[in-house]
Structures are given as structure tokens and as C-alpha cells.
Amino acid sequence: MEETAGNPLYYSCRNCRNPVALHEDLLSKDFLAKSGQAYMFQHAMNIIVGAKEDRQLITGYYTIAKIFCSKCSEEMGWTYVRAFEALNKFKEGKYIVEKAKISKNTETKRDLDSEN
């Protein structure tokens, strides 16, 4: 796990500071979303997954589900449920989170628990 001064790096909802992904789960920064740059994560936490929908995206046709912050309901991005082209199957089960919706943090878990 990547750390700064002994504290794990993670990304949180910019709106309410709810942790949504660990830096160690970051797979790519080369994605685009409505607001611009987006990150692909292996895992996400503290999110709500919306209804599935079939969408034509830049790289192909997918079944996706929007993801929302579990604390403030801010739309964060989407998860790939199904990729219809074999070339894009690696995206299935991954999470795309818009950079504009998150901030990078290095607080300890104890710091987070004391805010709640």
C-alpha cells in the first residue's frame, strides 16, 4: 500500500469527504467523463450502484451503472457491468470516478472516525 508518512493514500468525495477509493486500487488516469478527466479503480467503497443501462461510449458498447457517494448521493462516475467487445472485457467490474468529484487524502483512519 502506498503511504505518506505512514498514512495510506485514498480518494474521497469532494462534496462530503466520504472515502471512495484507495490509491493502491488506482489502475489508470487515462479516462474521460462528463466533467473531464476520470480515474479507473479496481475497487470502490462507500458507493451506491444505480440501475444498469446499455450505453455507447467512446471505446465501445457497454452495460454500465452510475455510481453515487453513499453519504451525500453525489454522482461520482460509473462501473462497467458488461463490455460487448472482447477487447474491452478487462473493464468489467472496474470503477470510473470523475477527477472533479474526488480529492486525494492522507489522513489516518482515526482522523476519519473522529469526524463522524
PDB file of N, CA and C in Angstrom:
ATOM      1  N   MET A   1       0.842  -1.173   0.000  1.00  0.00           N
ATOM      2  CA  MET A   1       0.000   0.000   0.000  1.00  0.00           C
ATOM      3  C   MET A   1       0.890   1.239   0.000  1.00  0.00           C
ATOM      4  N   GLU A   2       0.597   2.165  -0.894  1.00  0.00           N
ATOM      5  CA  GLU A   2       1.368   3.401  -0.941  1.00  0.00           C
ATOM      6  C   GLU A   2       0.970   4.275   0.245  1.00  0.00           C
ATOM      7  N   GLU A   3       1.949   4.849   0.883  1.00  0.00           N
ATOM      8  CA  GLU A   3       1.675   5.648   2.070  1.00  0.00           C
ATOM      9  C   GLU A   3       2.495   6.929   2.056  1.00  0.00           C
ATOM     10  N   THR A   4       2.028   7.912   2.795  1.00  0.00           N
ATOM     11  CA  THR A   4       2.755   9.143   3.032  1.00  0.00           C
ATOM     12  C   THR A   4       2.871   9.290   4.532  1.00  0.00           C
ATOM     13  N   ALA A   5       4.084   9.297   5.045  1.00  0.00           N
ATOM     14  CA  ALA A   5       4.340   9.411   6.489  1.00  0.00           C
ATOM     15  C   ALA A   5       3.527   8.387   7.275  1.00  0.00           C
ATOM     16  N   GLY A   6       3.425   7.171   6.755  1.00  0.00           N
ATOM     17  CA  GLY A   6       2.734   6.104   7.461  1.00  0.00           C
ATOM     18  C   GLY A   6       1.234   6.067   7.279  1.00  0.00           C
ATOM     19  N   ASN A   7       0.661   7.034   6.565  1.00  0.00           N
ATOM     20  CA  ASN A   7      -0.781   7.077   6.357  1.00  0.00           C
ATOM     21  C   ASN A   7      -1.120   6.642   4.931  1.00  0.00           C
ATOM     22  N   PRO A   8      -2.102   5.774   4.751  1.00  0.00           N
ATOM     23  CA  PRO A   8      -2.472   5.326   3.407  1.00  0.00           C
ATOM     24  C   PRO A   8      -3.089   6.463   2.597  1.00  0.00           C
ATOM     25  N   LEU A   9      -2.790   6.471   1.291  1.00  0.00           N
ATOM     26  CA  LEU A   9      -3.388   7.451   0.397  1.00  0.00           C
ATOM     27  C   LEU A   9      -4.739   6.930  -0.064  1.00  0.00           C
ATOM     28  N   TYR A  10      -5.727   7.821  -0.112  1.00  0.00           N
ATOM     29  CA  TYR A  10      -7.036   7.440  -0.603  1.00  0.00           C
ATOM     30  C   TYR A  10      -7.705   8.646  -1.238  1.00  0.00           C
ATOM     31  N   TYR A  11      -8.786   8.376  -1.944  1.00  0.00           N
ATOM     32  CA  TYR A  11      -9.569   9.420  -2.601  1.00  0.00           C
ATOM     33  C   TYR A  11     -10.929   9.484  -1.936  1.00  0.00           C
ATOM     34  N   SER A  12     -11.418  10.701  -1.736  1.00  0.00           N
ATOM     35  CA  SER A  12     -12.711  10.871  -1.084  1.00  0.00           C
ATOM     36  C   SER A  12     -13.604  11.764  -1.922  1.00  0.00           C
ATOM     37  N   CYS A  13     -14.900  11.695  -1.635  1.00  0.00           N
ATOM     38  CA  CYS A  13     -15.872  12.555  -2.292  1.00  0.00           C
ATOM     39  C   CYS A  13     -15.514  14.006  -1.980  1.00  0.00           C
ATOM     40  N   ARG A  14     -15.386  14.811  -3.002  1.00  0.00           N
ATOM     41  CA  ARG A  14     -15.037  16.221  -2.808  1.00  0.00           C
ATOM     42  C   ARG A  14     -16.150  16.965  -2.077  1.00  0.00           C
ATOM     43  N   ASN A  15     -17.358  16.484  -2.192  1.00  0.00           N
ATOM     44  CA  ASN A  15     -18.514  17.149  -1.594  1.00  0.00           C
ATOM     45  C   ASN A  15     -18.599  16.925  -0.083  1.00  0.00           C
ATOM     46  N   CYS A  16     -18.393  15.658   0.375  1.00  0.00           N
ATOM     47  CA  CYS A  16     -18.610  15.349   1.797  1.00  0.00           C
ATOM     48  C   CYS A  16     -17.428  14.643   2.469  1.00  0.00           C
ATOM     49  N   ARG A  17     -16.358  14.386   1.734  1.00  0.00           N
ATOM     50  CA  ARG A  17     -15.125  13.765   2.229  1.00  0.00           C
ATOM     51  C   ARG A  17     -15.272  12.288   2.578  1.00  0.00           C
ATOM     52  N   ASN A  18     -16.316  11.632   2.130  1.00  0.00           N
ATOM     53  CA  ASN A  18     -16.523  10.203   2.331  1.00  0.00           C
ATOM     54  C   ASN A  18     -15.470   9.444   1.501  1.00  0.00           C
ATOM     55  N   PRO A  19     -14.670   8.558   2.084  1.00  0.00           N
ATOM     56  CA  PRO A  19     -13.668   7.811   1.311  1.00  0.00           C
ATOM     57  C   PRO A  19     -14.341   6.925   0.260  1.00  0.00           C
ATOM     58  N   VAL A  20     -13.848   6.989  -0.996  1.00  0.00           N
ATOM     59  CA  VAL A  20     -14.456   6.187  -2.061  1.00  0.00           C
ATOM     60  C   VAL A  20     -13.489   5.212  -2.730  1.00  0.00           C
ATOM     61  N   ALA A  21     -12.174   5.445  -2.612  1.00  0.00           N
ATOM     62  CA  ALA A  21     -11.220   4.523  -3.247  1.00  0.00           C
ATOM     63  C   ALA A  21      -9.835   4.692  -2.638  1.00  0.00           C
ATOM     64  N   LEU A  22      -9.092   3.589  -2.591  1.00  0.00           N
ATOM     65  CA  LEU A  22      -7.708   3.622  -2.129  1.00  0.00           C
ATOM     66  C   LEU A  22      -6.774   3.872  -3.318  1.00  0.00           C
ATOM     67  N   HIS A  23      -5.707   4.599  -3.066  1.00  0.00           N
ATOM     68  CA  HIS A  23      -4.739   4.871  -4.126  1.00  0.00           C
ATOM     69  C   HIS A  23      -4.160   3.576  -4.697  1.00  0.00           C
ATOM     70  N   GLU A  24      -3.991   2.576  -3.864  1.00  0.00           N
ATOM     71  CA  GLU A  24      -3.423   1.302  -4.327  1.00  0.00           C
ATOM     72  C   GLU A  24      -4.334   0.599  -5.337  1.00  0.00           C
ATOM     73  N   ASP A  25      -5.611   0.984  -5.400  1.00  0.00           N
ATOM     74  CA  ASP A  25      -6.556   0.404  -6.362  1.00  0.00           C
ATOM     75  C   ASP A  25      -6.658   1.210  -7.656  1.00  0.00           C
ATOM     76  N   LEU A  26      -5.886   2.297  -7.767  1.00  0.00           N
ATOM     77  CA  LEU A  26      -5.890   3.119  -8.979  1.00  0.00           C
ATOM     78  C   LEU A  26      -5.210   2.366 -10.118  1.00  0.00           C
ATOM     79  N   LEU A  27      -5.938   2.166 -11.214  1.00  0.00           N
ATOM     80  CA  LEU A  27      -5.403   1.438 -12.363  1.00  0.00           C
ATOM     81  C   LEU A  27      -4.975   2.362 -13.494  1.00  0.00           C
ATOM     82  N   SER A  28      -5.698   3.478 -13.688  1.00  0.00           N
ATOM     83  CA  SER A  28      -5.400   4.363 -14.808  1.00  0.00           C
ATOM     84  C   SER A  28      -5.974   5.750 -14.562  1.00  0.00           C
ATOM     85  N   LYS A  29      -5.291   6.755 -15.116  1.00  0.00           N
ATOM     86  CA  LYS A  29      -5.779   8.135 -15.091  1.00  0.00           C
ATOM     87  C   LYS A  29      -6.160   8.586 -16.499  1.00  0.00           C
ATOM     88  N   ASP A  30      -6.271   7.649 -17.426  1.00  0.00           N
ATOM     89  CA  ASP A  30      -6.481   7.958 -18.840  1.00  0.00           C
ATOM     90  C   ASP A  30      -7.921   7.750 -19.299  1.00  0.00           C
ATOM     91  N   PHE A  31      -8.885   8.206 -18.521  1.00  0.00           N
ATOM     92  CA  PHE A  31     -10.283   8.072 -18.897  1.00  0.00           C
ATOM     93  C   PHE A  31     -10.937   9.446 -18.948  1.00  0.00           C
ATOM     94  N   LEU A  32     -11.998   9.542 -19.733  1.00  0.00           N
ATOM     95  CA  LEU A  32     -12.744  10.792 -19.856  1.00  0.00           C
ATOM     96  C   LEU A  32     -14.173  10.580 -19.387  1.00  0.00           C
ATOM     97  N   ALA A  33     -14.719  11.600 -18.746  1.00  0.00           N
ATOM     98  CA  ALA A  33     -16.098  11.577 -18.265  1.00  0.00           C
ATOM     99  C   ALA A  33     -16.739  12.921 -18.609  1.00  0.00           C
ATOM    100  N   LYS A  34     -17.973  13.121 -18.181  1.00  0.00           N
ATOM    101  CA  LYS A  34     -18.688  14.370 -18.476  1.00  0.00           C
ATOM    102  C   LYS A  34     -17.890  15.605 -18.064  1.00  0.00           C
ATOM    103  N   SER A  35     -17.270  15.538 -16.907  1.00  0.00           N
ATOM    104  CA  SER A  35     -16.568  16.708 -16.366  1.00  0.00           C
ATOM    105  C   SER A  35     -15.101  16.786 -16.793  1.00  0.00           C
ATOM    106  N   GLY A  36     -14.635  15.822 -17.567  1.00  0.00           N
ATOM    107  CA  GLY A  36     -13.229  15.816 -17.990  1.00  0.00           C
ATOM    108  C   GLY A  36     -12.528  14.541 -17.578  1.00  0.00           C
ATOM    109  N   GLN A  37     -11.321  14.683 -17.035  1.00  0.00           N
ATOM    110  CA  GLN A  37     -10.502  13.524 -16.674  1.00  0.00           C
ATOM    111  C   GLN A  37     -11.181  12.653 -15.629  1.00  0.00           C
ATOM    112  N   ALA A  38     -10.965  11.336 -15.757  1.00  0.00           N
ATOM    113  CA  ALA A  38     -11.523  10.375 -14.802  1.00  0.00           C
ATOM    114  C   ALA A  38     -10.497   9.286 -14.544  1.00  0.00           C
ATOM    115  N   TYR A  39     -10.612   8.626 -13.407  1.00  0.00           N
ATOM    116  CA  TYR A  39      -9.693   7.569 -12.994  1.00  0.00           C
ATOM    117  C   TYR A  39     -10.408   6.222 -12.978  1.00  0.00           C
ATOM    118  N   MET A  40      -9.674   5.168 -13.344  1.00  0.00           N
ATOM    119  CA  MET A  40     -10.202   3.807 -13.235  1.00  0.00           C
ATOM    120  C   MET A  40      -9.623   3.164 -11.983  1.00  0.00           C
ATOM    121  N   PHE A  41     -10.521   2.589 -11.167  1.00  0.00           N
ATOM    122  CA  PHE A  41     -10.124   1.899  -9.943  1.00  0.00           C
ATOM    123  C   PHE A  41     -10.542   0.438 -10.006  1.00  0.00           C
ATOM    124  N   GLN A  42      -9.733  -0.415  -9.400  1.00  0.00           N
ATOM    125  CA  GLN A  42     -10.051  -1.838  -9.278  1.00  0.00           C
ATOM    126  C   GLN A  42     -11.244  -2.045  -8.348  1.00  0.00           C
ATOM    127  N   HIS A  43     -11.284  -1.271  -7.264  1.00  0.00           N
ATOM    128  CA  HIS A  43     -12.347  -1.368  -6.266  1.00  0.00           C
ATOM    129  C   HIS A  43     -12.806   0.035  -5.886  1.00  0.00           C
ATOM    130  N   ALA A  44     -14.016   0.143  -5.389  1.00  0.00           N
ATOM    131  CA  ALA A  44     -14.528   1.390  -4.826  1.00  0.00           C
ATOM    132  C   ALA A  44     -15.277   1.030  -3.546  1.00  0.00           C
ATOM    133  N   MET A  45     -15.424   2.003  -2.659  1.00  0.00           N
ATOM    134  CA  MET A  45     -16.107   1.767  -1.383  1.00  0.00           C
ATOM    135  C   MET A  45     -17.025   2.940  -1.085  1.00  0.00           C
ATOM    136  N   ASN A  46     -17.957   2.702  -0.198  1.00  0.00           N
ATOM    137  CA  ASN A  46     -18.888   3.750   0.222  1.00  0.00           C
ATOM    138  C   ASN A  46     -19.628   4.374  -0.960  1.00  0.00           C
ATOM    139  N   ILE A  47     -20.047   3.506  -1.878  1.00  0.00           N
ATOM    140  CA  ILE A  47     -20.791   3.972  -3.041  1.00  0.00           C
ATOM    141  C   ILE A  47     -22.113   3.214  -3.146  1.00  0.00           C
ATOM    142  N   ILE A  48     -23.018   3.796  -3.876  1.00  0.00           N
ATOM    143  CA  ILE A  48     -24.282   3.164  -4.235  1.00  0.00           C
ATOM    144  C   ILE A  48     -24.263   2.976  -5.743  1.00  0.00           C
ATOM    145  N   VAL A  49     -24.593   1.769  -6.181  1.00  0.00           N
ATOM    146  CA  VAL A  49     -24.614   1.470  -7.610  1.00  0.00           C
ATOM    147  C   VAL A  49     -26.039   1.631  -8.109  1.00  0.00           C
ATOM    148  N   GLY A  50     -26.196   2.428  -9.162  1.00  0.00           N
ATOM    149  CA  GLY A  50     -27.514   2.678  -9.734  1.00  0.00           C
ATOM    150  C   GLY A  50     -27.958   1.568 -10.683  1.00  0.00           C
ATOM    151  N   ALA A  51     -29.016   1.857 -11.407  1.00  0.00           N
ATOM    152  CA  ALA A  51     -29.595   0.902 -12.358  1.00  0.00           C
ATOM    153  C   ALA A  51     -28.658   0.684 -13.543  1.00  0.00           C
ATOM    154  N   LYS A  52     -28.694  -0.523 -14.066  1.00  0.00           N
ATOM    155  CA  LYS A  52     -27.891  -0.859 -15.249  1.00  0.00           C
ATOM    156  C   LYS A  52     -28.508  -0.221 -16.489  1.00  0.00           C
ATOM    157  N   GLU A  53     -27.638   0.203 -17.405  1.00  0.00           N
ATOM    158  CA  GLU A  53     -28.106   0.743 -18.681  1.00  0.00           C
ATOM    159  C   GLU A  53     -27.073   0.455 -19.757  1.00  0.00           C
ATOM    160  N   ASP A  54     -27.523   0.194 -20.960  1.00  0.00           N
ATOM    161  CA  ASP A  54     -26.627  -0.023 -22.090  1.00  0.00           C
ATOM    162  C   ASP A  54     -26.288   1.333 -22.692  1.00  0.00           C
ATOM    163  N   ARG A  55     -24.982   1.568 -22.900  1.00  0.00           N
ATOM    164  CA  ARG A  55     -24.521   2.863 -23.417  1.00  0.00           C
ATOM    165  C   ARG A  55     -23.418   2.681 -24.430  1.00  0.00           C
ATOM    166  N   GLN A  56     -23.442   3.525 -25.446  1.00  0.00           N
ATOM    167  CA  GLN A  56     -22.340   3.617 -26.395  1.00  0.00           C
ATOM    168  C   GLN A  56     -21.384   4.665 -25.836  1.00  0.00           C
ATOM    169  N   LEU A  57     -20.179   4.251 -25.496  1.00  0.00           N
ATOM    170  CA  LEU A  57     -19.150   5.164 -25.007  1.00  0.00           C
ATOM    171  C   LEU A  57     -18.084   5.311 -26.090  1.00  0.00           C
ATOM    172  N   ILE A  58     -17.084   6.116 -25.835  1.00  0.00           N
ATOM    173  CA  ILE A  58     -16.034   6.383 -26.822  1.00  0.00           C
ATOM    174  C   ILE A  58     -15.376   5.099 -27.312  1.00  0.00           C
ATOM    175  N   THR A  59     -15.129   4.171 -26.411  1.00  0.00           N
ATOM    176  CA  THR A  59     -14.361   2.963 -26.767  1.00  0.00           C
ATOM    177  C   THR A  59     -15.210   1.749 -27.098  1.00  0.00           C
ATOM    178  N   GLY A  60     -16.539   1.866 -27.059  1.00  0.00           N
ATOM    179  CA  GLY A  60     -17.367   0.726 -27.392  1.00  0.00           C
ATOM    180  C   GLY A  60     -18.721   0.754 -26.711  1.00  0.00           C
ATOM    181  N   TYR A  61     -19.414  -0.361 -26.834  1.00  0.00           N
ATOM    182  CA  TYR A  61     -20.754  -0.503 -26.278  1.00  0.00           C
ATOM    183  C   TYR A  61     -20.669  -1.308 -24.983  1.00  0.00           C
ATOM    184  N   TYR A  62     -21.322  -0.802 -23.927  1.00  0.00           N
ATOM    185  CA  TYR A  62     -21.211  -1.395 -22.598  1.00  0.00           C
ATOM    186  C   TYR A  62     -22.549  -1.400 -21.891  1.00  0.00           C
ATOM    187  N   THR A  63     -22.674  -2.258 -20.894  1.00  0.00           N
ATOM    188  CA  THR A  63     -23.695  -2.114 -19.865  1.00  0.00           C
ATOM    189  C   THR A  63     -22.962  -1.490 -18.689  1.00  0.00           C
ATOM    190  N   ILE A  64     -23.438  -0.338 -18.243  1.00  0.00           N
ATOM    191  CA  ILE A  64     -22.814   0.371 -17.125  1.00  0.00           C
ATOM    192  C   ILE A  64     -23.863   0.641 -16.056  1.00  0.00           C
ATOM    193  N   ALA A  65     -23.406   1.059 -14.897  1.00  0.00           N
ATOM    194  CA  ALA A  65     -24.288   1.525 -13.828  1.00  0.00           C
ATOM    195  C   ALA A  65     -23.624   2.745 -13.198  1.00  0.00           C
ATOM    196  N   LYS A  66     -24.372   3.818 -13.069  1.00  0.00           N
ATOM    197  CA  LYS A  66     -23.825   5.012 -12.422  1.00  0.00           C
ATOM    198  C   LYS A  66     -23.521   4.691 -10.967  1.00  0.00           C
ATOM    199  N   ILE A  67     -22.501   5.359 -10.420  1.00  0.00           N
ATOM    200  CA  ILE A  67     -22.165   5.184  -9.003  1.00  0.00           C
ATOM    201  C   ILE A  67     -22.309   6.520  -8.286  1.00  0.00           C
ATOM    202  N   PHE A  68     -22.772   6.442  -7.044  1.00  0.00           N
ATOM    203  CA  PHE A  68     -23.059   7.625  -6.239  1.00  0.00           C
ATOM    204  C   PHE A  68     -22.407   7.494  -4.872  1.00  0.00           C
ATOM    205  N   CYS A  69     -22.009   8.608  -4.284  1.00  0.00           N
ATOM    206  CA  CYS A  69     -21.477   8.621  -2.924  1.00  0.00           C
ATOM    207  C   CYS A  69     -22.575   8.149  -1.973  1.00  0.00           C
ATOM    208  N   SER A  70     -22.238   7.237  -1.069  1.00  0.00           N
ATOM    209  CA  SER A  70     -23.237   6.694  -0.142  1.00  0.00           C
ATOM    210  C   SER A  70     -23.621   7.685   0.957  1.00  0.00           C
ATOM    211  N   LYS A  71     -22.841   8.741   1.122  1.00  0.00           N
ATOM    212  CA  LYS A  71     -23.122   9.707   2.193  1.00  0.00           C
ATOM    213  C   LYS A  71     -23.934  10.907   1.695  1.00  0.00           C
ATOM    214  N   CYS A  72     -23.564  11.464   0.524  1.00  0.00           N
ATOM    215  CA  CYS A  72     -24.233  12.676   0.048  1.00  0.00           C
ATOM    216  C   CYS A  72     -24.979  12.484  -1.271  1.00  0.00           C
ATOM    217  N   SER A  73     -24.884  11.288  -1.860  1.00  0.00           N
ATOM    218  CA  SER A  73     -25.575  10.933  -3.109  1.00  0.00           C
ATOM    219  C   SER A  73     -25.039  11.646  -4.349  1.00  0.00           C
ATOM    220  N   GLU A  74     -23.878  12.247  -4.254  1.00  0.00           N
ATOM    221  CA  GLU A  74     -23.244  12.878  -5.420  1.00  0.00           C
ATOM    222  C   GLU A  74     -22.931  11.809  -6.459  1.00  0.00           C
ATOM    223  N   GLU A  75     -23.271  12.067  -7.726  1.00  0.00           N
ATOM    224  CA  GLU A  75     -22.892  11.137  -8.793  1.00  0.00           C
ATOM    225  C   GLU A  75     -21.375  11.203  -8.968  1.00  0.00           C
ATOM    226  N   MET A  76     -20.712  10.052  -8.881  1.00  0.00           N
ATOM    227  CA  MET A  76     -19.248  10.002  -8.915  1.00  0.00           C
ATOM    228  C   MET A  76     -18.699   9.520 -10.254  1.00  0.00           C
ATOM    229  N   GLY A  77     -19.460   8.715 -10.980  1.00  0.00           N
ATOM    230  CA  GLY A  77     -18.989   8.133 -12.229  1.00  0.00           C
ATOM    231  C   GLY A  77     -19.816   6.914 -12.569  1.00  0.00           C
ATOM    232  N   TRP A  78     -19.153   5.814 -12.950  1.00  0.00           N
ATOM    233  CA  TRP A  78     -19.880   4.600 -13.303  1.00  0.00           C
ATOM    234  C   TRP A  78     -19.008   3.369 -13.108  1.00  0.00           C
ATOM    235  N   THR A  79     -19.657   2.214 -13.152  1.00  0.00           N
ATOM    236  CA  THR A  79     -18.960   0.942 -13.140  1.00  0.00           C
ATOM    237  C   THR A  79     -19.327   0.199 -14.413  1.00  0.00           C
ATOM    238  N   TYR A  80     -18.365  -0.513 -14.955  1.00  0.00           N
ATOM    239  CA  TYR A  80     -18.619  -1.335 -16.142  1.00  0.00           C
ATOM    240  C   TYR A  80     -19.191  -2.674 -15.695  1.00  0.00           C
ATOM    241  N   VAL A  81     -20.407  -2.970 -16.085  1.00  0.00           N
ATOM    242  CA  VAL A  81     -21.043  -4.237 -15.763  1.00  0.00           C
ATOM    243  C   VAL A  81     -20.709  -5.258 -16.843  1.00  0.00           C
ATOM    244  N   ARG A  82     -20.786  -4.831 -18.096  1.00  0.00           N
ATOM    245  CA  ARG A  82     -20.506  -5.728 -19.216  1.00  0.00           C
ATOM    246  C   ARG A  82     -19.915  -4.946 -20.378  1.00  0.00           C
ATOM    247  N   ALA A  83     -18.880  -5.508 -21.009  1.00  0.00           N
ATOM    248  CA  ALA A  83     -18.312  -4.980 -22.247  1.00  0.00           C
ATOM    249  C   ALA A  83     -18.708  -5.935 -23.362  1.00  0.00           C
ATOM    250  N   PHE A  84     -19.249  -5.405 -24.436  1.00  0.00           N
ATOM    251  CA  PHE A  84     -19.722  -6.257 -25.525  1.00  0.00           C
ATOM    252  C   PHE A  84     -18.602  -6.682 -26.473  1.00  0.00           C
ATOM    253  N   GLU A  85     -17.510  -5.915 -26.529  1.00  0.00           N
ATOM    254  CA  GLU A  85     -16.371  -6.285 -27.369  1.00  0.00           C
ATOM    255  C   GLU A  85     -15.306  -6.974 -26.516  1.00  0.00           C
ATOM    256  N   ALA A  86     -14.720  -8.034 -27.048  1.00  0.00           N
ATOM    257  CA  ALA A  86     -13.702  -8.809 -26.323  1.00  0.00           C
ATOM    258  C   ALA A  86     -12.529  -7.936 -25.884  1.00  0.00           C
ATOM    259  N   LEU A  87     -12.159  -6.976 -26.702  1.00  0.00           N
ATOM    260  CA  LEU A  87     -11.023  -6.092 -26.409  1.00  0.00           C
ATOM    261  C   LEU A  87     -11.220  -5.303 -25.113  1.00  0.00           C
ATOM    262  N   ASN A  88     -12.468  -5.060 -24.743  1.00  0.00           N
ATOM    263  CA  ASN A  88     -12.768  -4.233 -23.565  1.00  0.00           C
ATOM    264  C   ASN A  88     -13.230  -5.016 -22.347  1.00  0.00           C
ATOM    265  N   LYS A  89     -13.185  -6.325 -22.388  1.00  0.00           N
ATOM    266  CA  LYS A  89     -13.640  -7.160 -21.271  1.00  0.00           C
ATOM    267  C   LYS A  89     -12.890  -6.872 -19.969  1.00  0.00           C
ATOM    268  N   PHE A  90     -11.640  -6.414 -20.069  1.00  0.00           N
ATOM    269  CA  PHE A  90     -10.852  -6.122 -18.863  1.00  0.00           C
ATOM    270  C   PHE A  90     -11.484  -5.032 -18.015  1.00  0.00           C
ATOM    271  N   LYS A  91     -12.383  -4.231 -18.578  1.00  0.00           N
ATOM    272  CA  LYS A  91     -13.028  -3.134 -17.842  1.00  0.00           C
ATOM    273  C   LYS A  91     -14.175  -3.609 -16.954  1.00  0.00           C
ATOM    274  N   GLU A  92     -14.676  -4.811 -17.207  1.00  0.00           N
ATOM    275  CA  GLU A  92     -15.813  -5.302 -16.442  1.00  0.00           C
ATOM    276  C   GLU A  92     -15.479  -5.359 -14.952  1.00  0.00           C
ATOM    277  N   GLY A  93     -16.390  -4.816 -14.144  1.00  0.00           N
ATOM    278  CA  GLY A  93     -16.203  -4.810 -12.700  1.00  0.00           C
ATOM    279  C   GLY A  93     -15.323  -3.681 -12.178  1.00  0.00           C
ATOM    280  N   LYS A  94     -14.807  -2.851 -13.069  1.00  0.00           N
ATOM    281  CA  LYS A  94     -13.958  -1.720 -12.668  1.00  0.00           C
ATOM    282  C   LYS A  94     -14.828  -0.470 -12.491  1.00  0.00           C
ATOM    283  N   TYR A  95     -14.278   0.523 -11.808  1.00  0.00           N
ATOM    284  CA  TYR A  95     -14.993   1.748 -11.483  1.00  0.00           C
ATOM    285  C   TYR A  95     -14.306   2.947 -12.110  1.00  0.00           C
ATOM    286  N   ILE A  96     -15.088   3.805 -12.753  1.00  0.00           N
ATOM    287  CA  ILE A  96     -14.583   5.059 -13.311  1.00  0.00           C
ATOM    288  C   ILE A  96     -15.118   6.177 -12.427  1.00  0.00           C
ATOM    289  N   VAL A  97     -14.202   6.950 -11.852  1.00  0.00           N
ATOM    290  CA  VAL A  97     -14.575   8.038 -10.950  1.00  0.00           C
ATOM    291  C   VAL A  97     -14.034   9.343 -11.538  1.00  0.00           C
ATOM    292  N   GLU A  98     -14.915  10.318 -11.657  1.00  0.00           N
ATOM    293  CA  GLU A  98     -14.527  11.607 -12.227  1.00  0.00           C
ATOM    294  C   GLU A  98     -13.572  12.335 -11.286  1.00  0.00           C
ATOM    295  N   LYS A  99     -12.468  12.806 -11.835  1.00  0.00           N
ATOM    296  CA  LYS A  99     -11.459  13.519 -11.038  1.00  0.00           C
ATOM    297  C   LYS A  99     -12.064  14.748 -10.348  1.00  0.00           C
ATOM    298  N   ALA A 100     -12.966  15.440 -11.028  1.00  0.00           N
ATOM    299  CA  ALA A 100     -13.582  16.649 -10.468  1.00  0.00           C
ATOM    300  C   ALA A 100     -14.437  16.360  -9.239  1.00  0.00           C
ATOM    301  N   LYS A 101     -14.788  15.083  -9.017  1.00  0.00           N
ATOM    302  CA  LYS A 101     -15.670  14.715  -7.910  1.00  0.00           C
ATOM    303  C   LYS A 101     -14.918  14.195  -6.684  1.00  0.00           C
ATOM    304  N   ILE A 102     -13.586  14.070  -6.787  1.00  0.00           N
ATOM    305  CA  ILE A 102     -12.812  13.491  -5.686  1.00  0.00           C
ATOM    306  C   ILE A 102     -11.629  14.373  -5.306  1.00  0.00           C
ATOM    307  N   SER A 103     -11.123  14.129  -4.113  1.00  0.00           N
ATOM    308  CA  SER A 103      -9.880  14.764  -3.667  1.00  0.00           C
ATOM    309  C   SER A 103      -8.994  13.688  -3.054  1.00  0.00           C
ATOM    310  N   LYS A 104      -7.686  13.890  -3.135  1.00  0.00           N
ATOM    311  CA  LYS A 104      -6.711  12.937  -2.608  1.00  0.00           C
ATOM    312  C   LYS A 104      -6.431  13.269  -1.151  1.00  0.00           C
ATOM    313  N   ASN A 105      -6.343  12.237  -0.306  1.00  0.00           N
ATOM    314  CA  ASN A 105      -6.173  12.429   1.134  1.00  0.00           C
ATOM    315  C   ASN A 105      -5.105  11.507   1.697  1.00  0.00           C
ATOM    316  N   THR A 106      -4.543  11.911   2.827  1.00  0.00           N
ATOM    317  CA  THR A 106      -3.571  11.067   3.535  1.00  0.00           C
ATOM    318  C   THR A 106      -3.870  11.022   5.028  1.00  0.00           C
ATOM    319  N   GLU A 107      -5.103  11.318   5.424  1.00  0.00           N
ATOM    320  CA  GLU A 107      -5.466  11.260   6.837  1.00  0.00           C
ATOM    321  C   GLU A 107      -5.472   9.816   7.319  1.00  0.00           C
ATOM    322  N   THR A 108      -5.341   9.650   8.605  1.00  0.00           N
ATOM    323  CA  THR A 108      -5.418   8.300   9.168  1.00  0.00           C
ATOM    324  C   THR A 108      -6.876   7.905   9.350  1.00  0.00           C
ATOM    325  N   LYS A 109      -7.123   6.623   9.528  1.00  0.00           N
ATOM    326  CA  LYS A 109      -8.485   6.139   9.779  1.00  0.00           C
ATOM    327  C   LYS A 109      -9.031   6.757  11.063  1.00  0.00           C
ATOM    328  N   ARG A 110      -8.171   6.948  12.050  1.00  0.00           N
ATOM    329  CA  ARG A 110      -8.622   7.550  13.305  1.00  0.00           C
ATOM    330  C   ARG A 110      -9.128   8.977  13.045  1.00  0.00           C
ATOM    331  N   ASP A 111      -8.442   9.735  12.165  1.00  0.00           N
ATOM    332  CA  ASP A 111      -8.894  11.084  11.820  1.00  0.00           C
ATOM    333  C   ASP A 111     -10.279  11.036  11.190  1.00  0.00           C
ATOM    334  N   LEU A 112     -10.509  10.069  10.311  1.00  0.00           N
ATOM    335  CA  LEU A 112     -11.803   9.938   9.656  1.00  0.00           C
ATOM    336  C   LEU A 112     -12.889   9.586  10.655  1.00  0.00           C
ATOM    337  N   ASP A 113     -12.608   8.628  11.558  1.00  0.00           N
ATOM    338  CA  ASP A 113     -13.598   8.194  12.543  1.00  0.00           C
ATOM    339  C   ASP A 113     -13.989   9.320  13.486  1.00  0.00           C
ATOM    340  N   SER A 114     -13.076  10.210  13.800  1.00  0.00           N
ATOM    341  CA  SER A 114     -13.379  11.288  14.737  1.00  0.00           C
ATOM    342  C   SER A 114     -14.282  12.346  14.115  1.00  0.00           C
ATOM    343  N   GLU A 115     -14.382  12.369  12.773  1.00  0.00           N
ATOM    344  CA  GLU A 115     -15.254  13.348  12.113  1.00  0.00           C
ATOM    345  C   GLU A 115     -16.700  12.878  12.107  1.00  0.00           C
ATOM    346  N   ASN A 116     -16.941  11.595  12.266  1.00  0.00           N
ATOM    347  CA  ASN A 116     -18.306  11.051  12.142  1.00  0.00           C
ATOM    348  C   ASN A 116     -19.045  11.062  13.458  1.00  0.00           C
TER     349      ASN A 116
END
